[in-house]
Amino acid sequence: KAASDAEPIETVLESSDVVFFDDAWCPFCRQAEMALKYNSVEFRKIPIRPYRRDLVRLVGKSSAPSVWIHGTFVGGCNDGTKSWHGVIPMLQNGTFQKMLKKGVTRGRG
């Protein structure tokens, strides 16, 4: 898909409780994906390429993976733009699950 043919990023972020922007050749994407699957987290995986500019606009970076919970950026595999970001550390300390559950109880999901 050309970038102009892609769904608007806002639509993508609202399309699933967890959205995973992916690069097929990225080893950190595979690690984060395996961690989510191991923890039975359902997610929508989207190719990152058409969304790189939008991601820079929203969070200041376009690296893969870019993972979002209920429309909130939570970083990549091990880190992100805030000290608490990163799929693997968040899964290990329970923050990922808490954010996922909190969004569901608010009726988003």
C-alpha atoms as a PDB file:
ATOM      1  CA  LYS A   1       0.000   0.000   0.000  1.00  0.00           C
ATOM      2  CA  ALA A   2       1.144   3.486  -0.752  1.00  0.00           C
ATOM      3  CA  ALA A   3       1.110   5.851   2.207  1.00  0.00           C
ATOM      4  CA  SER A   4      -1.786   7.755   0.645  1.00  0.00           C
ATOM      5  CA  ASP A   5      -3.832   4.526   0.502  1.00  0.00           C
ATOM      6  CA  ALA A   6      -3.274   3.666   4.163  1.00  0.00           C
ATOM      7  CA  GLU A   7      -5.978   4.044   6.795  1.00  0.00           C
ATOM      8  CA  PRO A   8      -5.608   7.271   8.797  1.00  0.00           C
ATOM      9  CA  ILE A   9      -3.413   6.582  11.824  1.00  0.00           C
ATOM     10  CA  GLU A  10      -6.177   7.738  14.180  1.00  0.00           C
ATOM     11  CA  THR A  11      -8.472   5.061  12.709  1.00  0.00           C
ATOM     12  CA  VAL A  12      -5.777   2.413  13.103  1.00  0.00           C
ATOM     13  CA  LEU A  13      -5.116   3.375  16.737  1.00  0.00           C
ATOM     14  CA  GLU A  14      -8.836   3.058  17.529  1.00  0.00           C
ATOM     15  CA  SER A  15      -9.204  -0.255  15.684  1.00  0.00           C
ATOM     16  CA  SER A  16      -7.879  -2.493  18.470  1.00  0.00           C
ATOM     17  CA  ASP A  17      -7.042  -2.337  22.177  1.00  0.00           C
ATOM     18  CA  VAL A  18      -3.396  -3.019  21.259  1.00  0.00           C
ATOM     19  CA  VAL A  19      -1.878  -1.848  17.974  1.00  0.00           C
ATOM     20  CA  PHE A  20       1.584  -3.032  16.931  1.00  0.00           C
ATOM     21  CA  PHE A  21       3.356  -1.171  14.109  1.00  0.00           C
ATOM     22  CA  ASP A  22       5.729  -3.735  12.652  1.00  0.00           C
ATOM     23  CA  ASP A  23       8.751  -3.984  10.383  1.00  0.00           C
ATOM     24  CA  ALA A  24       9.135  -7.483   8.952  1.00  0.00           C
ATOM     25  CA  TRP A  25      12.949  -7.344   9.158  1.00  0.00           C
ATOM     26  CA  CYS A  26      13.149  -5.997  12.713  1.00  0.00           C
ATOM     27  CA  PRO A  27      14.463  -8.434  15.369  1.00  0.00           C
ATOM     28  CA  PHE A  28      13.047  -6.251  18.172  1.00  0.00           C
ATOM     29  CA  CYS A  29       9.619  -6.552  16.538  1.00  0.00           C
ATOM     30  CA  ARG A  30       9.887 -10.347  16.683  1.00  0.00           C
ATOM     31  CA  GLN A  31      10.921 -10.226  20.366  1.00  0.00           C
ATOM     32  CA  ALA A  32       8.034  -7.910  21.295  1.00  0.00           C
ATOM     33  CA  GLU A  33       5.571  -9.956  19.233  1.00  0.00           C
ATOM     34  CA  MET A  34       6.672 -13.191  20.916  1.00  0.00           C
ATOM     35  CA  ALA A  35       6.377 -11.583  24.371  1.00  0.00           C
ATOM     36  CA  LEU A  36       2.827 -10.397  23.620  1.00  0.00           C
ATOM     37  CA  LYS A  37       1.810 -13.817  22.303  1.00  0.00           C
ATOM     38  CA  TYR A  38       3.425 -15.572  25.278  1.00  0.00           C
ATOM     39  CA  ASN A  39       1.338 -13.356  27.580  1.00  0.00           C
ATOM     40  CA  SER A  40      -1.833 -14.029  25.519  1.00  0.00           C
ATOM     41  CA  VAL A  41      -2.201 -10.373  24.507  1.00  0.00           C
ATOM     42  CA  GLU A  42      -4.268  -9.923  21.354  1.00  0.00           C
ATOM     43  CA  PHE A  43      -3.081  -7.153  19.044  1.00  0.00           C
ATOM     44  CA  ARG A  44      -3.469  -5.780  15.555  1.00  0.00           C
ATOM     45  CA  LYS A  45      -0.198  -5.877  13.625  1.00  0.00           C
ATOM     46  CA  ILE A  46       0.239  -3.130  11.011  1.00  0.00           C
ATOM     47  CA  PRO A  47       3.161  -2.521   8.634  1.00  0.00           C
ATOM     48  CA  ILE A  48       4.954   0.574   9.937  1.00  0.00           C
ATOM     49  CA  ARG A  49       6.205   1.984   6.640  1.00  0.00           C
ATOM     50  CA  PRO A  50       3.091   4.013   5.625  1.00  0.00           C
ATOM     51  CA  TYR A  51       2.835   5.454   9.146  1.00  0.00           C
ATOM     52  CA  ARG A  52       6.393   6.611   9.876  1.00  0.00           C
ATOM     53  CA  ARG A  53       5.653  10.323   9.314  1.00  0.00           C
ATOM     54  CA  ASP A  54       2.497  10.115  11.433  1.00  0.00           C
ATOM     55  CA  LEU A  55       4.407   8.390  14.233  1.00  0.00           C
ATOM     56  CA  VAL A  56       7.066  11.111  14.226  1.00  0.00           C
ATOM     57  CA  ARG A  57       4.282  13.709  14.408  1.00  0.00           C
ATOM     58  CA  LEU A  58       2.583  11.914  17.322  1.00  0.00           C
ATOM     59  CA  VAL A  59       5.517  10.691  19.432  1.00  0.00           C
ATOM     60  CA  GLY A  60       8.687  12.071  17.886  1.00  0.00           C
ATOM     61  CA  LYS A  61      10.021   8.753  16.611  1.00  0.00           C
ATOM     62  CA  SER A  62       9.294   6.236  13.890  1.00  0.00           C
ATOM     63  CA  SER A  63      11.275   3.198  14.973  1.00  0.00           C
ATOM     64  CA  ALA A  64       9.803  -0.282  15.023  1.00  0.00           C
ATOM     65  CA  PRO A  65       8.082  -1.711  16.831  1.00  0.00           C
ATOM     66  CA  SER A  66       5.734   1.046  17.894  1.00  0.00           C
ATOM     67  CA  VAL A  67       3.168  -0.327  20.323  1.00  0.00           C
ATOM     68  CA  TRP A  68      -0.004   1.404  21.513  1.00  0.00           C
ATOM     69  CA  ILE A  69      -2.570   0.492  24.197  1.00  0.00           C
ATOM     70  CA  HIS A  70      -5.984   2.151  23.826  1.00  0.00           C
ATOM     71  CA  GLY A  71      -4.418   4.861  21.671  1.00  0.00           C
ATOM     72  CA  THR A  72      -1.559   5.538  24.119  1.00  0.00           C
ATOM     73  CA  PHE A  73       2.023   5.022  22.937  1.00  0.00           C
ATOM     74  CA  VAL A  74       3.871   2.567  25.188  1.00  0.00           C
ATOM     75  CA  GLY A  75       7.145   2.313  23.309  1.00  0.00           C
ATOM     76  CA  GLY A  76       8.914  -0.448  21.479  1.00  0.00           C
ATOM     77  CA  CYS A  77      10.364  -3.753  22.585  1.00  0.00           C
ATOM     78  CA  ASN A  78      12.532  -2.620  25.512  1.00  0.00           C
ATOM     79  CA  ASP A  79      12.068   1.147  25.798  1.00  0.00           C
ATOM     80  CA  GLY A  80      10.404   4.243  24.394  1.00  0.00           C
ATOM     81  CA  THR A  81      10.161   7.964  24.960  1.00  0.00           C
ATOM     82  CA  LYS A  82       9.428   7.650  28.706  1.00  0.00           C
ATOM     83  CA  SER A  83      11.262   5.701  31.413  1.00  0.00           C
ATOM     84  CA  TRP A  84       8.350   3.259  31.936  1.00  0.00           C
ATOM     85  CA  HIS A  85       7.962   2.390  28.212  1.00  0.00           C
ATOM     86  CA  GLY A  86       8.759  -0.908  26.528  1.00  0.00           C
ATOM     87  CA  VAL A  87       6.658  -4.009  25.867  1.00  0.00           C
ATOM     88  CA  ILE A  88       8.919  -6.490  27.652  1.00  0.00           C
ATOM     89  CA  PRO A  89       9.536  -4.476  30.851  1.00  0.00           C
ATOM     90  CA  MET A  90       5.853  -3.478  30.989  1.00  0.00           C
ATOM     91  CA  LEU A  91       4.766  -7.104  30.664  1.00  0.00           C
ATOM     92  CA  GLN A  92       7.276  -8.130  33.343  1.00  0.00           C
ATOM     93  CA  ASN A  93       6.124  -5.527  35.871  1.00  0.00           C
ATOM     94  CA  GLY A  94       2.396  -5.768  35.082  1.00  0.00           C
ATOM     95  CA  THR A  95       1.992  -2.226  33.714  1.00  0.00           C
ATOM     96  CA  PHE A  96       0.978  -3.467  30.260  1.00  0.00           C
ATOM     97  CA  GLN A  97      -1.814  -5.641  31.681  1.00  0.00           C
ATOM     98  CA  LYS A  98      -3.007  -2.838  34.008  1.00  0.00           C
ATOM     99  CA  MET A  99      -3.246  -0.351  31.138  1.00  0.00           C
ATOM    100  CA  LEU A 100      -5.061  -2.874  28.985  1.00  0.00           C
ATOM    101  CA  LYS A 101      -7.546  -3.698  31.740  1.00  0.00           C
ATOM    102  CA  LYS A 102      -8.034  -0.048  32.722  1.00  0.00           C
ATOM    103  CA  GLY A 103      -9.021   0.856  29.180  1.00  0.00           C
ATOM    104  CA  VAL A 104     -11.556  -1.963  29.014  1.00  0.00           C
ATOM    105  CA  THR A 105     -13.220  -0.909  32.253  1.00  0.00           C
ATOM    106  CA  ARG A 106     -13.605   2.602  30.854  1.00  0.00           C
ATOM    107  CA  GLY A 107     -15.597   1.124  27.981  1.00  0.00           C
ATOM    108  CA  ARG A 108     -12.910   1.405  25.308  1.00  0.00           C
ATOM    109  CA  GLY A 109     -12.525  -1.983  23.797  1.00  0.00           C
END
